[in-house]
Amino acid sequence: MTDFKFNENDFNKAYDDEMKKVNEQLEKEIVFAMIGDVNAGKSSTLNRLIGEEVASVGAEPGETVIVKKYPYKDKIIFADTPGLDDINNKNSEETLKFYKEADVILFFLNAAGTVFSEGEKKHFDNIRKVNKNIIFVLNKIDAAEDIPNLVKYVQDKTNYDFKVTPISSRTGQNVDMLRNAILDILKEKNKDILFARQIKEKSSTANKWILAAASSAAAVGAVPLPGSDIIPLTSIQVGLMVKLATLYEKPLSKDRAKELAIATFAGNIGKSLFRQAVKFIPGAGSAAGAGIAGSMTLGLGYAIKYAYENDIELNAEILKTLSKSFMKDKVES
């Protein structure tokens, strides 16, 4: 495949579908349950994740006095929760119910202390019976040694079924890794855009979405059936545009999105850059169709990201210029 065509009906459907998905997400609520010792760095990690002093607002009473909730911008709730055997039976039932309903459970371990003690393992075994959306946060790696073996130790104890993210909330090391692990879980619940929009650090999330879209586009572009790629490619690129606009909180009207889509398809932004771009597209291989589809999507995504991060008014001409500039920089670097 060496050519792409813009289809207005496909575009309209893709845009309406994507906007509906995003708007539905933004009406939802995300609940995080955090478990760990008082000196495990929960508050500092939370502040690093979001990019501001969330924990400093103070806890609000939850359903019981045991669960301490930290609401953030109404839609996101972080809750400091106890171990199930640290409280009386009545509160234990309420806390277990909270764990069951939580979207993500952040299980904190202190890399500079006793990692995954018998007590911690007991809490973990109780929690995973009701909710398996658990991420181990191995904090304070800046004050510990032999981190790979500590990670392996936790993985061995949990049958490699759960993500273990070694971080330092003091230095910020690997916090992006934790964000990505959270986004992976929330994506399954159709809540990842809601979370990504609220955090201050947006660049790494934008990169993740752009590369995923480019990889998907490359796979679509490699399909040999004439015309079979057009609708999926439109959906991928429109979806990327809408997600990036939501992430950076920039309005994207249907007319402006259509202008950018036409410039991408009719202007063949990626076609003239295929030889260079194919080196940077995951899974593109040497297929021309895959390279063109992938490079168009990559150029589109990074051009939009650059414009949003630099407060540039985006239109078709700016899109073409930024897309070519991005790919040129990639080649020269």
Protein backbone atom coordinates (compact mmCIF):
# COMPACT_ATOMS: atom_id res chain seq x y z
CA MET A 1 0.00 0.00 0.00
CA THR A 2 1.42 3.36 -0.98
CA ASP A 3 -1.54 5.73 -0.84
CA PHE A 4 -4.05 6.94 1.75
CA LYS A 5 -7.35 8.68 1.22
CA PHE A 6 -9.41 10.83 3.55
CA ASN A 7 -13.01 9.72 4.02
CA GLU A 8 -15.26 12.25 5.73
CA ASN A 9 -17.84 9.70 6.91
CA ASP A 10 -15.14 7.56 8.51
CA PHE A 11 -13.66 10.65 10.12
CA ASN A 12 -17.00 11.87 11.53
CA LYS A 13 -17.75 8.50 13.06
CA ALA A 14 -14.24 8.17 14.52
CA TYR A 15 -14.33 11.68 16.01
CA ASP A 16 -17.80 11.24 17.53
CA ASP A 17 -16.90 7.84 18.96
CA GLU A 18 -13.64 9.08 20.49
CA MET A 19 -15.23 12.19 22.00
CA LYS A 20 -17.96 10.04 23.53
CA LYS A 21 -15.37 7.72 25.10
CA VAL A 22 -13.37 10.62 26.51
CA ASN A 23 -16.41 12.43 27.91
CA GLU A 24 -17.61 9.23 29.57
CA GLN A 25 -14.18 8.81 31.18
CA LEU A 26 -14.16 12.34 32.53
CA GLU A 27 -17.41 11.66 34.40
CA LYS A 28 -15.95 8.69 36.26
CA GLU A 29 -14.08 8.51 39.56
CA ILE A 30 -10.78 6.79 40.33
CA VAL A 31 -10.06 5.32 43.75
CA PHE A 32 -6.54 4.40 44.84
CA ALA A 33 -5.97 2.36 47.98
CA MET A 34 -2.52 2.79 49.52
CA ILE A 35 -1.17 0.33 52.05
CA GLY A 36 2.19 0.43 53.80
CA ASP A 37 4.02 1.45 56.95
CA VAL A 38 3.91 5.08 58.03
CA ASN A 39 7.52 5.58 56.93
CA ALA A 40 7.15 3.83 53.57
CA GLY A 41 6.93 7.18 51.74
CA LYS A 42 3.28 7.06 50.67
CA SER A 43 2.69 10.81 50.88
CA SER A 44 5.91 11.76 49.11
CA THR A 45 5.21 9.21 46.36
CA LEU A 46 1.68 10.54 45.92
CA ASN A 47 2.99 14.08 45.57
CA ARG A 48 5.59 12.93 43.02
CA LEU A 49 2.97 11.07 41.00
CA ILE A 50 0.63 14.02 40.70
CA GLY A 51 3.25 16.76 40.65
CA GLU A 52 1.98 18.81 43.55
CA GLU A 53 1.34 18.60 47.29
CA VAL A 54 -1.79 16.47 47.22
CA ALA A 55 -1.28 14.82 50.61
CA SER A 56 -0.84 18.19 52.33
CA VAL A 57 -4.57 18.96 52.00
CA GLY A 58 -5.14 16.56 54.89
CA ALA A 59 -7.24 13.48 55.17
CA GLU A 60 -11.02 13.53 55.11
CA PRO A 61 -13.02 10.94 57.03
CA GLY A 62 -13.91 7.93 54.91
CA GLU A 63 -16.65 5.38 55.49
CA THR A 64 -14.88 4.54 58.74
CA VAL A 65 -12.27 6.39 60.75
CA ILE A 66 -9.78 3.80 59.54
CA VAL A 67 -9.73 4.70 55.81
CA LYS A 68 -8.29 8.20 55.36
CA LYS A 69 -9.19 9.73 52.02
CA TYR A 70 -7.27 12.40 50.10
CA PRO A 71 -9.56 13.73 47.33
CA TYR A 72 -7.84 15.35 44.37
CA LYS A 73 -9.87 17.54 42.00
CA ASP A 74 -13.10 15.72 42.89
CA LYS A 75 -12.56 12.83 40.50
CA ILE A 76 -9.52 11.12 42.04
CA ILE A 77 -9.35 9.76 45.57
CA PHE A 78 -6.23 8.44 47.26
CA ALA A 79 -6.91 6.54 50.47
CA ASP A 80 -4.45 5.56 53.17
CA THR A 81 -5.60 2.14 54.34
CA PRO A 82 -4.47 -0.15 57.15
CA GLY A 83 -3.53 -3.80 57.25
CA LEU A 84 -6.59 -5.95 57.77
CA ASP A 85 -5.42 -7.50 61.02
CA ASP A 86 -4.57 -4.13 62.58
CA ILE A 87 -8.20 -3.22 63.22
CA ASN A 88 -11.28 -4.71 64.82
CA ASN A 89 -13.56 -7.08 62.92
CA LYS A 90 -16.24 -4.53 62.05
CA ASN A 91 -13.74 -2.07 60.59
CA SER A 92 -11.90 -4.93 58.92
CA GLU A 93 -15.02 -5.78 56.92
CA GLU A 94 -15.46 -2.16 55.84
CA THR A 95 -11.80 -1.91 54.84
CA LEU A 96 -11.96 -5.16 52.89
CA LYS A 97 -14.96 -3.78 51.01
CA PHE A 98 -12.96 -0.66 50.20
CA TYR A 99 -10.08 -2.76 48.85
CA LYS A 100 -12.52 -4.70 46.69
CA GLU A 101 -13.92 -1.52 45.12
CA ALA A 102 -10.59 0.27 44.61
CA ASP A 103 -9.41 0.75 41.01
CA VAL A 104 -5.72 0.43 41.89
CA ILE A 105 -3.99 -0.77 45.07
CA LEU A 106 -0.54 0.64 45.71
CA PHE A 107 1.24 -1.74 48.09
CA PHE A 108 4.25 0.10 49.54
CA LEU A 109 7.43 -1.70 50.56
CA ASN A 110 10.49 -0.06 52.12
CA ALA A 111 13.61 -1.04 50.17
CA ALA A 112 15.75 0.26 53.03
CA GLY A 113 13.97 -1.93 55.58
CA THR A 114 12.64 -5.47 55.82
CA VAL A 115 11.14 -6.06 52.40
CA PHE A 116 7.92 -8.08 52.25
CA SER A 117 7.83 -9.19 55.87
CA GLU A 118 5.49 -11.91 57.12
CA GLY A 119 3.00 -9.26 58.18
CA GLU A 120 3.10 -7.59 54.76
CA LYS A 121 2.68 -10.93 53.03
CA LYS A 122 -0.34 -11.69 55.20
CA HIS A 123 -1.95 -8.35 54.26
CA PHE A 124 -1.17 -9.00 50.60
CA ASP A 125 -2.70 -12.50 50.66
CA ASN A 126 -5.91 -11.11 52.17
CA ILE A 127 -6.18 -8.26 49.71
CA ARG A 128 -5.48 -10.20 46.53
CA LYS A 129 -8.43 -12.47 47.29
CA VAL A 130 -10.76 -9.55 46.56
CA ASN A 131 -8.74 -7.39 44.13
CA LYS A 132 -5.79 -8.27 41.91
CA ASN A 133 -5.15 -4.74 40.61
CA ILE A 134 -2.11 -4.44 42.86
CA ILE A 135 1.16 -2.64 42.13
CA PHE A 136 4.08 -3.08 44.51
CA VAL A 137 5.83 0.22 45.12
CA LEU A 138 9.35 -0.60 46.29
CA ASN A 139 10.27 2.83 47.63
CA LYS A 140 13.54 4.33 48.97
CA ILE A 141 15.79 2.58 46.48
CA ASP A 142 18.20 5.51 46.87
CA ALA A 143 18.92 4.25 50.40
CA ALA A 144 19.25 0.56 49.54
CA GLU A 145 21.55 -1.80 47.64
CA ASP A 146 21.06 -4.67 45.21
CA ILE A 147 17.68 -3.46 43.99
CA PRO A 148 17.34 -6.14 41.26
CA ASN A 149 17.52 -8.88 43.90
CA LEU A 150 14.96 -7.10 46.07
CA VAL A 151 12.60 -6.88 43.09
CA LYS A 152 13.20 -10.56 42.31
CA TYR A 153 12.54 -11.50 45.92
CA VAL A 154 9.09 -9.86 45.84
CA GLN A 155 8.35 -11.37 42.43
CA ASP A 156 9.33 -14.84 43.66
CA LYS A 157 7.05 -14.48 46.68
CA THR A 158 4.12 -13.41 44.48
CA ASN A 159 4.61 -15.83 41.57
CA TYR A 160 5.51 -12.98 39.19
CA ASP A 161 1.80 -12.10 38.93
CA PHE A 162 2.14 -8.45 39.96
CA LYS A 163 4.13 -5.44 38.82
CA VAL A 164 6.97 -4.43 41.14
CA THR A 165 8.15 -0.84 40.59
CA PRO A 166 11.37 0.20 42.34
CA ILE A 167 11.27 3.97 42.92
CA SER A 168 12.69 6.78 45.00
CA SER A 169 10.07 9.29 46.05
CA ARG A 170 12.91 11.47 47.35
CA THR A 171 14.77 11.78 44.03
CA GLY A 172 11.91 10.97 41.64
CA GLN A 173 13.78 7.98 40.15
CA ASN A 174 11.47 5.64 38.20
CA VAL A 175 8.29 7.55 39.08
CA ASP A 176 7.45 7.46 35.35
CA MET A 177 7.59 3.68 35.56
CA LEU A 178 5.02 3.75 38.35
CA ARG A 179 2.78 6.14 36.40
CA ASN A 180 2.89 3.81 33.39
CA ALA A 181 2.03 0.80 35.54
CA ILE A 182 -0.96 2.70 36.93
CA LEU A 183 -2.04 3.79 33.43
CA ASP A 184 -1.89 0.19 32.20
CA ILE A 185 -4.35 -0.91 34.88
CA LEU A 186 -6.61 2.11 34.38
CA LYS A 187 -6.68 1.58 30.62
CA GLU A 188 -8.43 -1.75 31.21
CA LYS A 189 -11.04 0.15 33.21
CA ASN A 190 -11.36 2.98 30.65
CA LYS A 191 -10.05 5.50 33.18
CA ASP A 192 -6.48 6.13 31.97
CA ILE A 193 -7.23 9.42 30.21
CA LEU A 194 -8.93 10.79 33.32
CA PHE A 195 -5.85 10.05 35.45
CA ALA A 196 -3.30 11.23 32.86
CA ARG A 197 -5.12 14.54 32.43
CA GLN A 198 -4.90 15.35 36.13
CA ILE A 199 -1.17 14.80 36.67
CA LYS A 200 1.34 17.56 36.02
CA GLU A 201 3.87 15.44 34.12
CA LYS A 202 2.23 14.82 30.75
CA SER A 203 5.14 14.41 28.33
CA SER A 204 5.98 10.78 29.10
CA THR A 205 2.31 9.78 28.87
CA ALA A 206 1.98 11.59 25.53
CA ASN A 207 5.07 9.76 24.24
CA LYS A 208 3.60 6.43 25.35
CA TRP A 209 0.34 7.11 23.49
CA ILE A 210 2.08 8.39 20.35
CA LEU A 211 4.37 5.37 20.06
CA ALA A 212 1.48 2.97 20.69
CA ALA A 213 -0.62 4.67 18.00
CA ALA A 214 2.30 4.67 15.54
CA SER A 215 2.88 0.98 16.18
CA SER A 216 -0.82 0.22 15.64
CA ALA A 217 -0.86 2.32 12.47
CA ALA A 218 2.22 0.51 11.18
CA ALA A 219 0.48 -2.82 11.73
CA VAL A 220 -2.62 -1.57 9.91
CA GLY A 221 -0.47 -0.21 7.08
CA ALA A 222 1.09 -3.63 6.57
CA VAL A 223 -2.29 -5.24 5.81
CA PRO A 224 -2.22 -6.18 2.12
CA LEU A 225 -5.99 -5.96 1.49
CA PRO A 226 -6.87 -2.87 -0.61
CA GLY A 227 -8.83 -0.33 1.38
CA SER A 228 -9.01 -2.48 4.52
CA ASP A 229 -6.71 -0.14 6.39
CA ILE A 230 -8.50 3.16 5.82
CA ILE A 231 -11.13 3.02 8.56
CA PRO A 232 -8.79 1.60 11.25
CA LEU A 233 -6.10 4.15 10.39
CA THR A 234 -8.59 7.02 10.60
CA SER A 235 -9.76 5.76 13.98
CA ILE A 236 -6.19 5.42 15.30
CA GLN A 237 -5.14 8.91 14.24
CA VAL A 238 -8.34 10.66 15.30
CA GLY A 239 -8.19 8.79 18.59
CA LEU A 240 -4.65 10.03 19.13
CA MET A 241 -5.62 13.62 18.34
CA VAL A 242 -8.55 13.56 20.76
CA LYS A 243 -6.53 11.92 23.55
CA LEU A 244 -3.68 14.43 23.25
CA ALA A 245 -6.10 17.36 23.21
CA THR A 246 -7.75 16.00 26.36
CA LEU A 247 -4.40 15.31 28.04
CA TYR A 248 -3.18 18.89 27.53
CA GLU A 249 -6.66 20.34 28.09
CA LYS A 250 -6.71 22.00 24.67
CA PRO A 251 -10.05 22.29 22.87
CA LEU A 252 -10.17 20.38 19.59
CA SER A 253 -13.24 21.08 17.48
CA LYS A 254 -14.40 18.64 14.85
CA ASP A 255 -13.52 21.14 12.11
CA ARG A 256 -9.97 21.60 13.40
CA ALA A 257 -9.49 17.86 13.82
CA LYS A 258 -10.75 17.35 10.27
CA GLU A 259 -8.29 19.95 8.97
CA LEU A 260 -5.40 18.12 10.66
CA ALA A 261 -6.60 14.73 9.45
CA ILE A 262 -6.88 15.92 5.84
CA ALA A 263 -3.39 17.41 6.04
CA THR A 264 -2.10 14.10 7.35
CA PHE A 265 -3.79 11.93 4.72
CA ALA A 266 -3.93 14.14 1.63
CA GLY A 267 -0.62 15.82 2.41
CA ASN A 268 1.06 12.46 2.90
CA ILE A 269 3.11 13.86 5.76
CA GLY A 270 4.78 10.54 6.35
CA LYS A 271 5.26 9.34 2.77
CA SER A 272 8.21 11.53 1.83
CA LEU A 273 9.89 10.69 5.13
CA PHE A 274 9.46 6.93 4.94
CA ARG A 275 13.10 5.92 4.58
CA GLN A 276 14.10 7.85 7.69
CA ALA A 277 10.95 7.28 9.74
CA VAL A 278 10.84 3.49 9.39
CA LYS A 279 13.92 3.27 11.63
CA PHE A 280 11.96 4.72 14.52
CA ILE A 281 8.61 2.92 14.19
CA PRO A 282 8.22 -0.13 16.45
CA GLY A 283 7.16 -3.11 14.36
CA ALA A 284 7.23 -1.27 11.04
CA GLY A 285 9.82 -3.54 9.49
CA SER A 286 10.57 -2.85 5.85
CA ALA A 287 7.01 -2.80 4.47
CA ALA A 288 6.37 0.49 2.68
CA GLY A 289 2.74 0.65 3.78
CA ALA A 290 3.67 0.07 7.39
CA GLY A 291 6.38 2.72 7.23
CA ILE A 292 4.14 5.34 5.69
CA ALA A 293 1.22 4.71 8.04
CA GLY A 294 3.48 4.61 11.05
CA SER A 295 5.49 7.69 10.12
CA MET A 296 2.35 9.70 9.40
CA THR A 297 0.99 8.84 12.82
CA LEU A 298 4.29 9.46 14.57
CA GLY A 299 4.73 12.84 12.88
CA LEU A 300 1.13 13.77 13.61
CA GLY A 301 1.43 12.86 17.29
CA TYR A 302 4.72 14.59 18.01
CA ALA A 303 3.72 17.70 16.08
CA ILE A 304 0.52 18.02 18.14
CA LYS A 305 2.44 17.35 21.37
CA TYR A 306 5.04 20.00 20.54
CA ALA A 307 2.37 22.56 19.64
CA TYR A 308 0.41 21.96 22.84
CA GLU A 309 3.48 22.08 25.06
CA ASN A 310 4.63 25.34 23.48
CA ASP A 311 1.22 27.04 23.20
CA ILE A 312 1.33 27.11 19.40
CA GLU A 313 -1.96 27.55 17.57
CA LEU A 314 -2.21 24.35 15.54
CA ASN A 315 -3.39 24.31 11.93
CA ALA A 316 -2.62 22.32 8.80
CA GLU A 317 0.45 24.33 7.78
CA ILE A 318 1.93 24.29 11.27
CA LEU A 319 1.27 20.56 11.45
CA LYS A 320 3.18 19.90 8.23
CA THR A 321 6.12 22.05 9.33
CA LEU A 322 6.35 20.51 12.79
CA SER A 323 5.98 16.96 11.49
CA LYS A 324 8.84 17.37 9.01
CA SER A 325 10.98 19.16 11.60
CA PHE A 326 10.44 16.36 14.10
CA MET A 327 11.41 13.62 11.65
CA LYS A 328 14.46 15.60 10.50
CA ASP A 329 15.63 15.95 14.10
CA LYS A 330 15.16 12.22 14.63
CA VAL A 331 17.34 11.43 11.63
CA GLU A 332 20.10 13.88 12.58
CA SER A 333 20.20 12.63 16.15
